[in-house]
Amino acid sequence: MNPTSPTTSPVTSAFTGHGNVTFLGAGPGDPGLLTLRAVEALAGADVLIAEPEVLEVVRGHARTGVSTPELTVVDEASTTAGVPVLRDAANLVMEAARGGKRVVRAVTGDPGLDGNAGAEMLACAAEGIPFEVVPGVATAVGVPAYAGVPLRDAQGTDVRFVDARTADERCWSEVGASDGTVVVSTSLDSVAAAAGELVAAGRKPDTPLTVTIAGTTTRQRTWTATLGTIAQVFKQGKVLPSPEGHRPVIAVVGERSAPAQRDQLAWFESKPLFGWRVLVPRTKEQAASLSDQLRSYGAVPHEVPTIAVEPPRTPQQMERAVKGLVTGRYEWIAFTSVNAVKAVREKFEEYGLDARAFAGIKVAAVGEQTAAALVDFGVKPDLVPSGEQSAAGLLEDWPPYDPVFDPIDRVFLPRADIATETLVAGLIELGWEVDDVTAYRTVRASPPPADTREAIKGGGFDAVLFTSSSTVRNLVGIAGKPHNVTVIACIGPATAKTAEEHGLRVDVLSPEPSVHKLAEALADFGLRRRAAALEAGDPVTRPSERRPGARRRRTT
């Protein structure tokens, strides 16, 4: 928290008996566009009243247990049908604030430009309920930026914003007479009508136009045309008629939206894995950083746990080893997985210990992810492989036992119930005694929901990342074999061999046994695939958009 910020000081003390309200702009859809102040306000909210379109964007930043009353649109049809009249947003906000609650009212885009938050602010002011406004990225500004359409240039082009739903004849006449950029908020099936209004008002039919739907999200799609051709473009592309015709879009009219310029500036939709649904079959705890990396490439990660981690059946051996750490039994402790770190950490907490218990003990981690888990625990590893991140790589850098410099000759190796003969044998060969202890068990996870299983088998996913042979076996076991259009990416040769044994064709092989290198390799694959389509003059499509059952081509 910034102590100098005028928005962070409590305001309720001067208004006894009332809570306060934060009117918060959640942006057009990308969760990354929330401001720091928005995140701070969400973390302190007692009640979160959000428009359905942005509820998932903001809910993740609210504290556990926050109340989220549902907004229901009350219209004439529901009243006629006998549906009880439900409280609207203003009433929900006022009721919670009167009860002394800290209320966050989240709206799409910006509170001052999108929606009708002004009426709710006036209601608060009338009752003396303190409120603040946290601006957000307005839809009419954020969506063109993500579509690669700058609204102004060095010449200072005039920019007009029009809501086609409320625009009258005078409004169309004014923007039609202007040669500046016009940003039109409308719906997909009303774009052609808005274009017609602008032409009728004086704009030339050959004026460039872009239309963007689901802007700033990985579902974003942009069409380029002119005012005179947009109806034909939608018809030829079978965009309309469509059940999604009512969905909101942002149309930008003017030279800034010229296709030649947008081809160079469309940074978002040209990401290497833009819109790809990527299956991440790992344990939930381990998938987070990988999913974040995939999102940075434009992908939509879908995490499916294939392995569940459980305590050992007989915990006595682990308990003795942890006590041995404290009493000085070991010179080294070697962690071969994030789960091993978690198991030891949980046992420490059970005994009231913390990272200080590692004082005087050398700590080894098999790779970057395991090392990061140790650092999060407060322990900086002494040894991480400089080469291959595996048991073999760890042995390459492990020092031999030296009775002069090593007062103790014993290594504690907490591991899964799956044997680690390679590491144990290598350490013994280097002169060390090893306490090879089962710290946790790995078992096959429960099957994912039916719709996920259907998407896996029916080609609903564009790619799947396999990070070990066990993830291949377990995913196929609990959910079925991925469809033949799905791109298969494997972390190493052993995993690839297991995938091929299960009838899968491996398209991507990581150059190093690292989950982040695997994600990079998939992004490179997507980039090459996109470049090949553009060079051939073909539309850029996702693997899942190919005809089901079509024969696959290998991309090298």
Protein backbone atom coordinates (compact mmCIF):
# COMPACT_ATOMS: atom_id res chain seq x y z
CA MET A 1 0.00 0.00 0.00
CA ASN A 2 1.21 3.47 -0.88
CA PRO A 3 0.94 5.51 2.36
CA THR A 4 0.86 8.79 0.42
CA SER A 5 -2.14 7.80 -1.70
CA PRO A 6 -5.20 9.90 -0.83
CA THR A 7 -7.45 6.93 -1.62
CA THR A 8 -6.09 4.56 0.99
CA SER A 9 -7.05 6.35 4.19
CA PRO A 10 -10.21 5.16 5.98
CA VAL A 11 -13.22 7.35 5.37
CA THR A 12 -15.85 5.70 7.50
CA SER A 13 -14.92 7.26 10.84
CA ALA A 14 -16.48 10.59 9.91
CA PHE A 15 -19.71 8.91 8.87
CA THR A 16 -20.77 6.83 11.86
CA GLY A 17 -23.45 4.28 11.16
CA HIS A 18 -22.55 3.90 7.47
CA GLY A 19 -20.11 1.84 5.51
CA ASN A 20 -18.61 3.08 2.27
CA VAL A 21 -18.83 2.28 -1.41
CA THR A 22 -16.09 1.96 -4.02
CA PHE A 23 -17.31 2.28 -7.60
CA LEU A 24 -14.69 0.32 -9.45
CA GLY A 25 -13.91 0.03 -13.16
CA ALA A 26 -12.95 -3.57 -13.96
CA GLY A 27 -11.86 -2.85 -17.53
CA PRO A 28 -13.06 -4.50 -20.76
CA GLY A 29 -12.27 -8.11 -19.77
CA ASP A 30 -8.54 -8.74 -19.36
CA PRO A 31 -7.93 -9.28 -15.61
CA GLY A 32 -4.45 -7.79 -16.04
CA LEU A 33 -5.98 -4.37 -16.68
CA LEU A 34 -7.20 -3.94 -13.09
CA THR A 35 -5.40 -1.06 -11.39
CA LEU A 36 -3.39 -1.41 -8.19
CA ARG A 37 -6.02 0.62 -6.36
CA ALA A 38 -8.75 -1.69 -7.68
CA VAL A 39 -6.94 -4.77 -6.34
CA GLU A 40 -6.46 -3.05 -2.98
CA ALA A 41 -10.15 -2.11 -2.74
CA LEU A 42 -11.25 -5.63 -3.65
CA ALA A 43 -9.03 -7.13 -0.96
CA GLY A 44 -10.79 -5.03 1.71
CA ALA A 45 -14.38 -5.50 0.53
CA ASP A 46 -17.08 -7.02 2.75
CA VAL A 47 -19.58 -7.06 -0.11
CA LEU A 48 -18.79 -7.36 -3.84
CA ILE A 49 -21.58 -6.35 -6.22
CA ALA A 50 -20.34 -6.96 -9.75
CA GLU A 51 -21.85 -7.06 -13.19
CA PRO A 52 -21.97 -10.69 -14.41
CA GLU A 53 -19.50 -9.91 -17.23
CA VAL A 54 -16.73 -8.93 -14.81
CA LEU A 55 -17.48 -11.04 -11.74
CA GLU A 56 -14.78 -13.59 -12.56
CA VAL A 57 -12.31 -10.80 -13.34
CA VAL A 58 -12.61 -9.27 -9.86
CA ARG A 59 -13.60 -12.17 -7.61
CA GLY A 60 -10.10 -13.63 -7.48
CA HIS A 61 -8.80 -10.48 -5.76
CA ALA A 62 -11.49 -10.44 -3.07
CA ARG A 63 -10.90 -12.06 0.30
CA THR A 64 -12.30 -15.48 1.17
CA GLY A 65 -15.87 -15.27 2.39
CA VAL A 66 -16.75 -11.97 0.69
CA SER A 67 -20.48 -11.65 0.04
CA THR A 68 -21.36 -11.55 -3.68
CA PRO A 69 -25.10 -10.94 -4.06
CA GLU A 70 -26.26 -11.72 -7.57
CA LEU A 71 -27.50 -8.94 -9.82
CA THR A 72 -30.70 -9.85 -11.66
CA VAL A 73 -32.05 -7.78 -14.50
CA VAL A 74 -35.69 -6.93 -13.90
CA ASP A 75 -37.59 -6.11 -17.07
CA GLU A 76 -41.18 -5.93 -18.22
CA ALA A 77 -41.17 -9.50 -19.51
CA SER A 78 -40.17 -11.01 -16.18
CA THR A 79 -42.79 -8.93 -14.35
CA THR A 80 -45.49 -10.08 -16.78
CA ALA A 81 -44.40 -13.71 -16.28
CA GLY A 82 -45.00 -13.37 -12.56
CA VAL A 83 -41.34 -13.38 -11.54
CA PRO A 84 -40.93 -11.58 -8.18
CA VAL A 85 -39.39 -8.12 -8.47
CA LEU A 86 -35.81 -8.43 -7.25
CA ARG A 87 -33.57 -5.73 -5.83
CA ASP A 88 -31.57 -3.78 -8.37
CA ALA A 89 -27.90 -2.79 -8.04
CA ALA A 90 -28.56 0.56 -6.37
CA ASN A 91 -30.74 -1.02 -3.68
CA LEU A 92 -28.18 -3.75 -3.01
CA VAL A 93 -25.40 -1.16 -2.72
CA MET A 94 -27.39 1.11 -0.41
CA GLU A 95 -28.60 -1.68 1.85
CA ALA A 96 -25.07 -3.06 2.36
CA ALA A 97 -23.60 0.42 2.98
CA ARG A 98 -26.32 1.28 5.49
CA GLY A 99 -25.32 -1.85 7.37
CA GLY A 100 -21.78 -0.52 7.82
CA LYS A 101 -20.23 -2.73 5.12
CA ARG A 102 -17.35 -1.89 2.81
CA VAL A 103 -18.96 -2.29 -0.59
CA VAL A 104 -17.23 -2.63 -3.96
CA ARG A 105 -19.49 -2.03 -6.94
CA ALA A 106 -17.62 -3.36 -9.98
CA VAL A 107 -18.66 -2.39 -13.50
CA THR A 108 -17.36 -3.22 -16.95
CA GLY A 109 -14.87 -0.72 -18.33
CA ASP A 110 -14.85 2.62 -16.50
CA PRO A 111 -17.55 3.83 -14.04
CA GLY A 112 -17.70 7.26 -15.66
CA LEU A 113 -17.83 6.17 -19.32
CA ASP A 114 -19.39 2.69 -19.32
CA GLY A 115 -22.70 1.87 -17.67
CA ASN A 116 -24.93 3.90 -15.35
CA ALA A 117 -22.91 4.12 -12.14
CA GLY A 118 -23.63 7.86 -11.92
CA ALA A 119 -27.18 7.26 -10.67
CA GLU A 120 -25.90 4.99 -7.90
CA MET A 121 -23.31 7.60 -6.89
CA LEU A 122 -26.06 10.23 -6.61
CA ALA A 123 -28.08 7.89 -4.41
CA CYS A 124 -25.09 7.51 -2.07
CA ALA A 125 -24.54 11.26 -2.00
CA ALA A 126 -28.19 11.89 -1.15
CA GLU A 127 -27.93 9.67 1.94
CA GLY A 128 -24.50 10.89 3.00
CA ILE A 129 -22.87 7.52 2.31
CA PRO A 130 -19.17 8.11 1.54
CA PHE A 131 -17.96 6.72 -1.76
CA GLU A 132 -14.94 6.79 -4.00
CA VAL A 133 -14.42 6.10 -7.69
CA VAL A 134 -11.60 3.89 -8.99
CA PRO A 135 -11.31 4.52 -12.74
CA GLY A 136 -10.86 1.58 -15.05
CA VAL A 137 -9.75 1.12 -18.64
CA ALA A 138 -12.78 2.17 -20.67
CA THR A 139 -14.03 -0.40 -23.18
CA ALA A 140 -13.99 2.11 -26.03
CA VAL A 141 -10.30 2.84 -25.31
CA GLY A 142 -8.96 -0.55 -24.24
CA VAL A 143 -10.47 -2.66 -27.02
CA PRO A 144 -8.97 -0.64 -29.92
CA ALA A 145 -5.58 -0.74 -28.16
CA TYR A 146 -5.76 -4.56 -28.05
CA ALA A 147 -6.96 -4.67 -31.65
CA GLY A 148 -3.90 -2.72 -32.82
CA VAL A 149 -5.84 0.41 -33.74
CA PRO A 150 -4.38 3.67 -32.34
CA LEU A 151 -7.08 6.30 -31.98
CA ARG A 152 -4.80 9.31 -32.45
CA ASP A 153 -1.57 10.13 -34.23
CA ALA A 154 1.06 12.87 -34.21
CA GLN A 155 -1.33 15.16 -36.08
CA GLY A 156 -3.77 15.01 -33.16
CA THR A 157 -6.72 13.41 -34.92
CA ASP A 158 -10.11 14.26 -33.42
CA VAL A 159 -11.74 11.27 -31.67
CA ARG A 160 -15.49 10.89 -31.19
CA PHE A 161 -17.22 8.22 -29.08
CA VAL A 162 -20.71 7.09 -30.07
CA ASP A 163 -23.10 4.65 -28.42
CA ALA A 164 -25.19 3.40 -31.34
CA ARG A 165 -27.99 2.30 -29.00
CA THR A 166 -28.75 5.87 -27.90
CA ALA A 167 -27.36 7.97 -30.78
CA ASP A 168 -29.91 10.26 -32.44
CA GLU A 169 -29.93 11.83 -35.90
CA ARG A 170 -28.05 14.90 -34.71
CA CYS A 171 -25.27 12.74 -33.26
CA TRP A 172 -24.84 10.80 -36.53
CA SER A 173 -24.82 14.05 -38.50
CA GLU A 174 -22.04 15.52 -36.35
CA VAL A 175 -19.74 12.50 -36.56
CA GLY A 176 -20.58 12.03 -40.22
CA ALA A 177 -19.44 15.58 -40.96
CA SER A 178 -16.16 15.02 -39.10
CA ASP A 179 -13.08 13.44 -40.65
CA GLY A 180 -11.77 12.28 -37.27
CA THR A 181 -11.75 8.82 -35.74
CA VAL A 182 -15.14 7.51 -34.58
CA VAL A 183 -15.36 4.79 -31.93
CA VAL A 184 -18.79 3.16 -32.06
CA SER A 185 -20.15 0.95 -29.27
CA THR A 186 -22.75 -1.34 -30.80
CA SER A 187 -23.69 -5.01 -31.24
CA LEU A 188 -22.43 -7.42 -33.88
CA ASP A 189 -25.71 -7.51 -35.80
CA SER A 190 -26.03 -3.69 -35.71
CA VAL A 191 -22.61 -2.84 -37.17
CA ALA A 192 -23.87 -2.62 -40.76
CA ALA A 193 -26.70 -0.30 -39.69
CA ALA A 194 -24.25 2.00 -37.86
CA ALA A 195 -22.00 2.02 -40.95
CA GLY A 196 -25.04 2.98 -43.04
CA GLU A 197 -25.84 5.86 -40.69
CA LEU A 198 -22.30 7.22 -41.06
CA VAL A 199 -22.37 6.95 -44.87
CA ALA A 200 -25.78 8.64 -44.98
CA ALA A 201 -24.37 11.41 -42.77
CA GLY A 202 -21.48 12.13 -45.15
CA ARG A 203 -18.68 9.61 -44.49
CA LYS A 204 -17.20 8.06 -47.63
CA PRO A 205 -18.08 4.37 -48.16
CA ASP A 206 -14.37 3.52 -48.59
CA THR A 207 -13.50 4.77 -45.06
CA PRO A 208 -11.58 1.99 -43.23
CA LEU A 209 -13.38 0.17 -40.41
CA THR A 210 -12.41 -2.42 -37.81
CA VAL A 211 -14.88 -4.40 -35.71
CA THR A 212 -13.73 -6.18 -32.55
CA ILE A 213 -15.73 -8.64 -30.46
CA ALA A 214 -14.76 -9.93 -26.98
CA GLY A 215 -12.01 -7.33 -26.87
CA THR A 216 -9.00 -7.77 -24.52
CA THR A 217 -9.86 -11.44 -23.91
CA THR A 218 -8.44 -14.54 -25.58
CA ARG A 219 -11.76 -14.84 -27.44
CA GLN A 220 -11.07 -11.52 -29.19
CA ARG A 221 -11.64 -11.40 -32.92
CA THR A 222 -11.26 -8.43 -35.26
CA TRP A 223 -12.54 -7.91 -38.79
CA THR A 224 -11.24 -5.22 -41.18
CA ALA A 225 -13.38 -3.72 -43.92
CA THR A 226 -14.80 -0.34 -45.01
CA LEU A 227 -18.09 1.33 -44.19
CA GLY A 228 -19.38 0.19 -47.58
CA THR A 229 -18.16 -3.43 -47.44
CA ILE A 230 -18.64 -4.52 -43.82
CA ALA A 231 -22.07 -6.10 -44.46
CA GLN A 232 -20.62 -8.17 -47.32
CA VAL A 233 -17.56 -9.17 -45.26
CA PHE A 234 -19.81 -10.50 -42.50
CA LYS A 235 -21.98 -12.35 -45.04
CA GLN A 236 -19.07 -13.94 -46.92
CA GLY A 237 -17.35 -14.91 -43.67
CA LYS A 238 -20.61 -16.39 -42.35
CA VAL A 239 -20.25 -14.15 -39.30
CA LEU A 240 -23.94 -13.27 -39.53
CA PRO A 241 -26.62 -14.34 -39.01
CA SER A 242 -25.45 -15.76 -35.70
CA PRO A 243 -26.86 -16.52 -32.24
CA GLU A 244 -24.07 -14.22 -30.99
CA GLY A 245 -25.39 -11.27 -32.98
CA HIS A 246 -26.46 -9.48 -29.81
CA ARG A 247 -22.94 -9.48 -28.37
CA PRO A 248 -21.31 -6.05 -27.91
CA VAL A 249 -18.53 -4.92 -30.25
CA ILE A 250 -16.34 -1.88 -30.68
CA ALA A 251 -16.09 -0.49 -34.21
CA VAL A 252 -13.39 2.04 -35.09
CA VAL A 253 -13.94 4.19 -38.17
CA GLY A 254 -11.12 6.21 -39.75
CA GLU A 255 -7.71 6.00 -41.34
CA ARG A 256 -6.10 4.78 -38.10
CA SER A 257 -7.92 1.47 -38.60
CA ALA A 258 -6.57 0.85 -42.11
CA PRO A 259 -5.75 -2.87 -42.59
CA ALA A 260 -2.17 -2.23 -43.71
CA GLN A 261 -1.45 -0.42 -40.47
CA ARG A 262 -3.29 -2.95 -38.29
CA ASP A 263 -1.24 -5.82 -39.75
CA GLN A 264 1.82 -4.24 -38.12
CA LEU A 265 0.17 -3.22 -34.85
CA ALA A 266 -2.11 -6.17 -34.01
CA TRP A 267 0.12 -7.28 -31.13
CA PHE A 268 -2.51 -9.16 -29.13
CA GLU A 269 -4.15 -11.42 -31.70
CA SER A 270 -0.73 -12.23 -33.20
CA LYS A 271 0.58 -13.86 -30.01
CA PRO A 272 1.96 -17.33 -30.82
CA LEU A 273 -0.77 -19.30 -29.01
CA PHE A 274 -3.57 -16.75 -29.21
CA GLY A 275 -6.88 -18.34 -28.22
CA TRP A 276 -5.41 -21.85 -27.95
CA ARG A 277 -7.04 -24.02 -25.29
CA VAL A 278 -4.09 -25.80 -23.71
CA LEU A 279 -4.56 -28.74 -21.37
CA VAL A 280 -2.17 -28.74 -18.41
CA PRO A 281 -2.38 -32.20 -16.79
CA ARG A 282 -0.48 -31.66 -13.54
CA THR A 283 -1.13 -31.33 -9.84
CA LYS A 284 -2.99 -28.11 -9.06
CA GLU A 285 -0.15 -26.62 -7.03
CA GLN A 286 2.42 -27.16 -9.75
CA ALA A 287 0.31 -25.88 -12.65
CA ALA A 288 0.03 -22.22 -11.59
CA SER A 289 3.33 -20.81 -12.90
CA LEU A 290 3.08 -22.83 -16.11
CA SER A 291 -0.46 -21.55 -16.70
CA ASP A 292 0.71 -17.97 -16.16
CA GLN A 293 3.41 -18.46 -18.79
CA LEU A 294 0.91 -19.93 -21.27
CA ARG A 295 -1.38 -16.93 -20.75
CA SER A 296 1.51 -14.62 -21.66
CA TYR A 297 1.56 -16.37 -25.07
CA GLY A 298 -2.19 -15.74 -25.50
CA ALA A 299 -3.30 -19.26 -24.56
CA VAL A 300 -6.22 -20.31 -22.36
CA PRO A 301 -4.80 -22.91 -19.96
CA HIS A 302 -7.11 -25.57 -18.53
CA GLU A 303 -5.65 -27.35 -15.52
CA VAL A 304 -6.61 -30.99 -15.01
CA PRO A 305 -5.01 -32.67 -11.99
CA THR A 306 -3.88 -36.18 -12.92
CA ILE A 307 -1.91 -36.91 -9.75
CA ALA A 308 -3.11 -36.56 -6.20
CA VAL A 309 -0.56 -36.34 -3.40
CA GLU A 310 -1.22 -38.16 -0.14
CA PRO A 311 0.80 -38.75 3.07
CA PRO A 312 2.83 -41.97 3.38
CA ARG A 313 0.96 -44.97 4.78
CA THR A 314 3.50 -45.28 7.59
CA PRO A 315 4.69 -41.82 8.70
CA GLN A 316 7.17 -43.00 11.36
CA GLN A 317 10.17 -43.10 9.00
CA MET A 318 9.51 -39.51 7.86
CA GLU A 319 9.07 -38.34 11.46
CA ARG A 320 12.42 -39.87 12.49
CA ALA A 321 14.19 -38.26 9.53
CA VAL A 322 12.79 -34.78 10.28
CA LYS A 323 13.88 -35.11 13.90
CA GLY A 324 17.30 -36.18 12.58
CA LEU A 325 17.52 -32.90 10.66
CA VAL A 326 17.21 -30.98 13.92
CA THR A 327 19.64 -33.17 15.88
CA GLY A 328 22.42 -32.96 13.28
CA ARG A 329 22.15 -36.42 11.70
CA TYR A 330 22.56 -35.14 8.12
CA GLU A 331 25.11 -33.18 6.09
CA TRP A 332 22.76 -32.81 3.10
CA ILE A 333 19.06 -32.89 2.27
CA ALA A 334 18.12 -33.40 -1.39
CA PHE A 335 14.74 -32.35 -2.75
CA THR A 336 13.70 -34.00 -6.02
CA SER A 337 10.29 -32.32 -6.42
CA VAL A 338 8.08 -29.47 -5.28
CA ASN A 339 5.93 -32.05 -3.50
CA ALA A 340 8.93 -33.21 -1.45
CA VAL A 341 9.45 -29.60 -0.29
CA LYS A 342 5.76 -29.38 0.60
CA ALA A 343 5.85 -32.65 2.56
CA VAL A 344 8.86 -31.59 4.65
CA ARG A 345 7.40 -28.12 5.17
CA GLU A 346 4.11 -29.56 6.44
CA LYS A 347 5.98 -31.85 8.84
CA PHE A 348 8.02 -28.87 10.08
CA GLU A 349 4.86 -26.88 10.74
CA GLU A 350 3.38 -29.87 12.56
CA TYR A 351 6.35 -29.79 14.97
CA GLY A 352 6.38 -25.98 15.25
CA LEU A 353 9.60 -25.67 13.24
CA ASP A 354 10.50 -23.24 10.47
CA ALA A 355 13.30 -22.69 7.94
CA ARG A 356 15.80 -22.00 10.73
CA ALA A 357 15.93 -25.75 11.36
CA PHE A 358 18.00 -26.05 8.15
CA ALA A 359 20.87 -24.10 9.72
CA GLY A 360 24.13 -25.96 9.15
CA ILE A 361 22.61 -28.37 6.61
CA LYS A 362 23.42 -28.20 2.89
CA VAL A 363 20.32 -28.19 0.70
CA ALA A 364 20.08 -29.47 -2.88
CA ALA A 365 17.21 -28.99 -5.36
CA VAL A 366 16.74 -30.99 -8.54
CA GLY A 367 15.63 -27.98 -10.62
CA GLU A 368 14.35 -24.42 -10.81
CA GLN A 369 10.78 -25.15 -9.70
CA THR A 370 11.92 -27.09 -6.65
CA ALA A 371 14.43 -24.36 -5.81
CA ALA A 372 11.66 -21.74 -6.06
CA ALA A 373 9.51 -23.75 -3.63
CA LEU A 374 12.45 -23.81 -1.18
CA VAL A 375 13.01 -20.07 -1.48
CA ASP A 376 9.31 -19.56 -0.77
CA PHE A 377 9.85 -21.63 2.39
CA GLY A 378 12.75 -19.35 3.35
CA VAL A 379 15.57 -21.70 2.31
CA LYS A 380 18.15 -20.85 -0.36
CA PRO A 381 19.46 -24.10 -1.91
CA ASP A 382 23.21 -24.65 -1.95
CA LEU A 383 23.11 -26.84 -5.03
CA VAL A 384 20.94 -26.69 -8.17
CA PRO A 385 22.10 -28.57 -11.31
CA SER A 386 24.01 -26.33 -13.70
CA GLY A 387 23.01 -28.57 -16.62
CA GLU A 388 20.16 -31.04 -16.97
CA GLN A 389 17.49 -30.61 -14.31
CA SER A 390 17.15 -34.24 -13.27
CA ALA A 391 18.62 -36.77 -10.86
CA ALA A 392 21.46 -37.35 -13.34
CA GLY A 393 22.11 -33.61 -13.58
CA LEU A 394 22.13 -33.32 -9.79
CA LEU A 395 24.71 -36.12 -9.54
CA GLU A 396 26.92 -34.39 -12.11
CA ASP A 397 27.39 -31.46 -9.70
CA TRP A 398 27.20 -33.34 -6.39
CA PRO A 399 30.55 -33.30 -4.51
CA PRO A 400 32.05 -36.64 -3.37
CA TYR A 401 32.16 -37.32 0.34
CA ASP A 402 35.35 -35.96 1.89
CA PRO A 403 35.98 -37.02 5.51
CA VAL A 404 38.20 -33.96 6.02
CA PHE A 405 35.62 -31.35 5.00
CA ASP A 406 32.38 -33.24 5.68
CA PRO A 407 31.85 -33.99 9.37
CA ILE A 408 28.78 -36.09 8.57
CA ASP A 409 28.46 -38.56 5.71
CA ARG A 410 24.68 -38.88 5.52
CA VAL A 411 22.10 -37.50 3.04
CA PHE A 412 18.35 -37.22 3.71
CA LEU A 413 16.36 -37.90 0.52
CA PRO A 414 12.61 -37.26 1.00
CA ARG A 415 10.81 -38.60 -2.06
CA ALA A 416 7.62 -40.04 -3.50
CA ASP A 417 6.72 -43.68 -3.09
CA ILE A 418 8.16 -44.14 -6.60
CA ALA A 419 11.77 -45.34 -6.26
CA THR A 420 14.76 -43.10 -7.06
CA GLU A 421 17.44 -45.76 -7.59
CA THR A 422 19.52 -43.56 -9.93
CA LEU A 423 20.05 -40.83 -7.38
CA VAL A 424 20.54 -43.18 -4.42
CA ALA A 425 23.06 -45.36 -6.29
CA GLY A 426 24.95 -42.29 -7.53
CA LEU A 427 25.22 -40.77 -4.05
CA ILE A 428 26.46 -44.06 -2.59
CA GLU A 429 29.05 -44.25 -5.36
CA LEU A 430 30.23 -40.78 -4.31
CA GLY A 431 30.78 -42.08 -0.80
CA TRP A 432 27.57 -40.90 0.91
CA GLU A 433 25.17 -42.80 3.13
CA VAL A 434 21.57 -42.17 2.09
CA ASP A 435 18.35 -42.23 4.12
CA ASP A 436 15.89 -42.81 1.28
CA VAL A 437 12.56 -41.87 2.90
CA THR A 438 9.01 -41.95 1.51
CA ALA A 439 7.70 -38.43 2.21
CA TYR A 440 4.49 -38.67 0.18
CA ARG A 441 2.54 -40.97 -2.12
CA THR A 442 1.35 -40.17 -5.62
CA VAL A 443 -1.98 -41.65 -6.66
CA ARG A 444 -4.10 -41.23 -9.75
CA ALA A 445 -6.50 -38.30 -9.43
CA SER A 446 -10.26 -38.52 -9.91
CA PRO A 447 -11.58 -38.12 -13.48
CA PRO A 448 -12.28 -34.54 -14.62
CA PRO A 449 -15.86 -33.37 -15.33
CA ALA A 450 -17.71 -34.94 -18.26
CA ASP A 451 -17.42 -31.83 -20.49
CA THR A 452 -13.64 -31.80 -20.03
CA ARG A 453 -13.38 -35.50 -20.90
CA GLU A 454 -15.49 -34.90 -24.01
CA ALA A 455 -13.29 -31.96 -25.05
CA ILE A 456 -10.15 -34.09 -24.63
CA LYS A 457 -11.46 -36.95 -26.76
CA GLY A 458 -13.40 -34.78 -29.22
CA GLY A 459 -10.67 -32.33 -30.21
CA GLY A 460 -11.82 -29.42 -28.07
CA PHE A 461 -8.27 -28.70 -26.91
CA ASP A 462 -5.61 -27.24 -29.20
CA ALA A 463 -2.62 -28.68 -27.29
CA VAL A 464 -1.72 -30.74 -24.27
CA LEU A 465 1.50 -30.47 -22.27
CA PHE A 466 2.89 -33.71 -20.84
CA THR A 467 5.48 -33.11 -18.13
CA SER A 468 6.20 -36.75 -17.25
CA SER A 469 5.39 -40.28 -18.32
CA SER A 470 2.99 -40.58 -15.40
CA THR A 471 0.95 -37.60 -16.62
CA VAL A 472 0.51 -39.37 -19.97
CA ARG A 473 -0.61 -42.63 -18.36
CA ASN A 474 -2.82 -40.94 -15.81
CA LEU A 475 -4.53 -38.55 -18.24
CA VAL A 476 -5.34 -41.34 -20.67
CA GLY A 477 -6.48 -43.45 -17.73
CA ILE A 478 -8.86 -40.91 -16.19
CA ALA A 479 -10.02 -38.97 -19.25
CA GLY A 480 -9.19 -40.86 -22.45
CA LYS A 481 -6.77 -40.28 -25.32
CA PRO A 482 -6.50 -36.76 -26.78
CA HIS A 483 -7.97 -36.33 -30.28
CA ASN A 484 -5.67 -36.56 -33.27
CA VAL A 485 -5.97 -32.81 -34.06
CA THR A 486 -4.57 -31.90 -30.62
CA VAL A 487 -0.90 -30.84 -30.60
CA ILE A 488 1.06 -33.09 -28.24
CA ALA A 489 4.02 -31.48 -26.43
CA CYS A 490 6.36 -33.53 -24.22
CA ILE A 491 9.03 -32.48 -21.73
CA GLY A 492 11.61 -35.08 -22.78
CA PRO A 493 12.36 -38.27 -24.76
CA ALA A 494 11.09 -40.66 -22.05
CA THR A 495 7.76 -38.82 -21.85
CA ALA A 496 7.52 -38.72 -25.64
CA LYS A 497 8.12 -42.47 -25.83
CA THR A 498 5.31 -43.09 -23.34
CA ALA A 499 3.00 -40.83 -25.37
CA GLU A 500 3.80 -42.73 -28.56
CA GLU A 501 3.20 -46.03 -26.79
CA HIS A 502 -0.30 -44.74 -26.05
CA GLY A 503 -0.90 -44.00 -29.74
CA LEU A 504 -0.18 -40.26 -29.61
CA ARG A 505 1.86 -38.41 -32.20
CA VAL A 506 4.35 -36.05 -30.57
CA ASP A 507 4.59 -32.65 -32.28
CA VAL A 508 6.72 -30.71 -29.80
CA LEU A 509 9.69 -31.87 -27.73
CA SER A 510 11.22 -29.56 -25.14
CA PRO A 511 14.94 -28.88 -25.69
CA GLU A 512 15.47 -29.16 -21.91
CA PRO A 513 13.58 -31.05 -19.16
CA SER A 514 11.95 -27.84 -17.85
CA VAL A 515 8.25 -26.97 -17.84
CA HIS A 516 9.06 -23.41 -18.87
CA LYS A 517 11.20 -24.59 -21.79
CA LEU A 518 8.34 -26.89 -22.76
CA ALA A 519 5.92 -23.93 -22.85
CA GLU A 520 8.47 -21.94 -24.89
CA ALA A 521 8.77 -24.82 -27.36
CA LEU A 522 4.99 -24.94 -27.79
CA ALA A 523 4.94 -21.16 -28.37
CA ASP A 524 7.67 -21.56 -31.03
CA PHE A 525 5.55 -24.27 -32.68
CA GLY A 526 2.53 -21.96 -32.70
CA LEU A 527 4.60 -19.11 -34.14
CA ARG A 528 5.91 -21.28 -36.99
CA ARG A 529 2.42 -22.59 -37.67
CA ARG A 530 1.05 -19.04 -37.85
CA ALA A 531 3.87 -17.88 -40.15
CA ALA A 532 3.28 -20.84 -42.49
CA ALA A 533 -0.43 -20.03 -42.77
CA LEU A 534 0.24 -16.36 -43.54
CA GLU A 535 2.91 -17.22 -46.10
CA ALA A 536 0.49 -19.59 -47.85
CA GLY A 537 -2.26 -16.96 -47.79
CA ASP A 538 -4.42 -19.14 -45.54
CA PRO A 539 -6.41 -17.90 -42.56
CA VAL A 540 -4.74 -18.37 -39.18
CA THR A 541 -6.68 -21.04 -37.32
CA ARG A 542 -6.24 -23.02 -34.13
CA PRO A 543 -5.61 -26.78 -34.30
CA SER A 544 -9.05 -27.49 -32.81
CA GLU A 545 -10.67 -25.60 -35.71
CA ARG A 546 -9.50 -28.21 -38.20
CA ARG A 547 -12.06 -30.65 -39.60
CA PRO A 548 -12.56 -33.46 -37.04
CA GLY A 549 -10.80 -36.60 -38.18
CA ALA A 550 -8.69 -34.80 -40.77
CA ARG A 551 -5.25 -36.20 -41.38
CA ARG A 552 -2.61 -34.27 -39.47
CA ARG A 553 0.48 -32.72 -41.00
CA ARG A 554 3.64 -32.61 -38.97
CA THR A 555 5.06 -29.09 -38.57
CA THR A 556 8.82 -28.96 -38.15
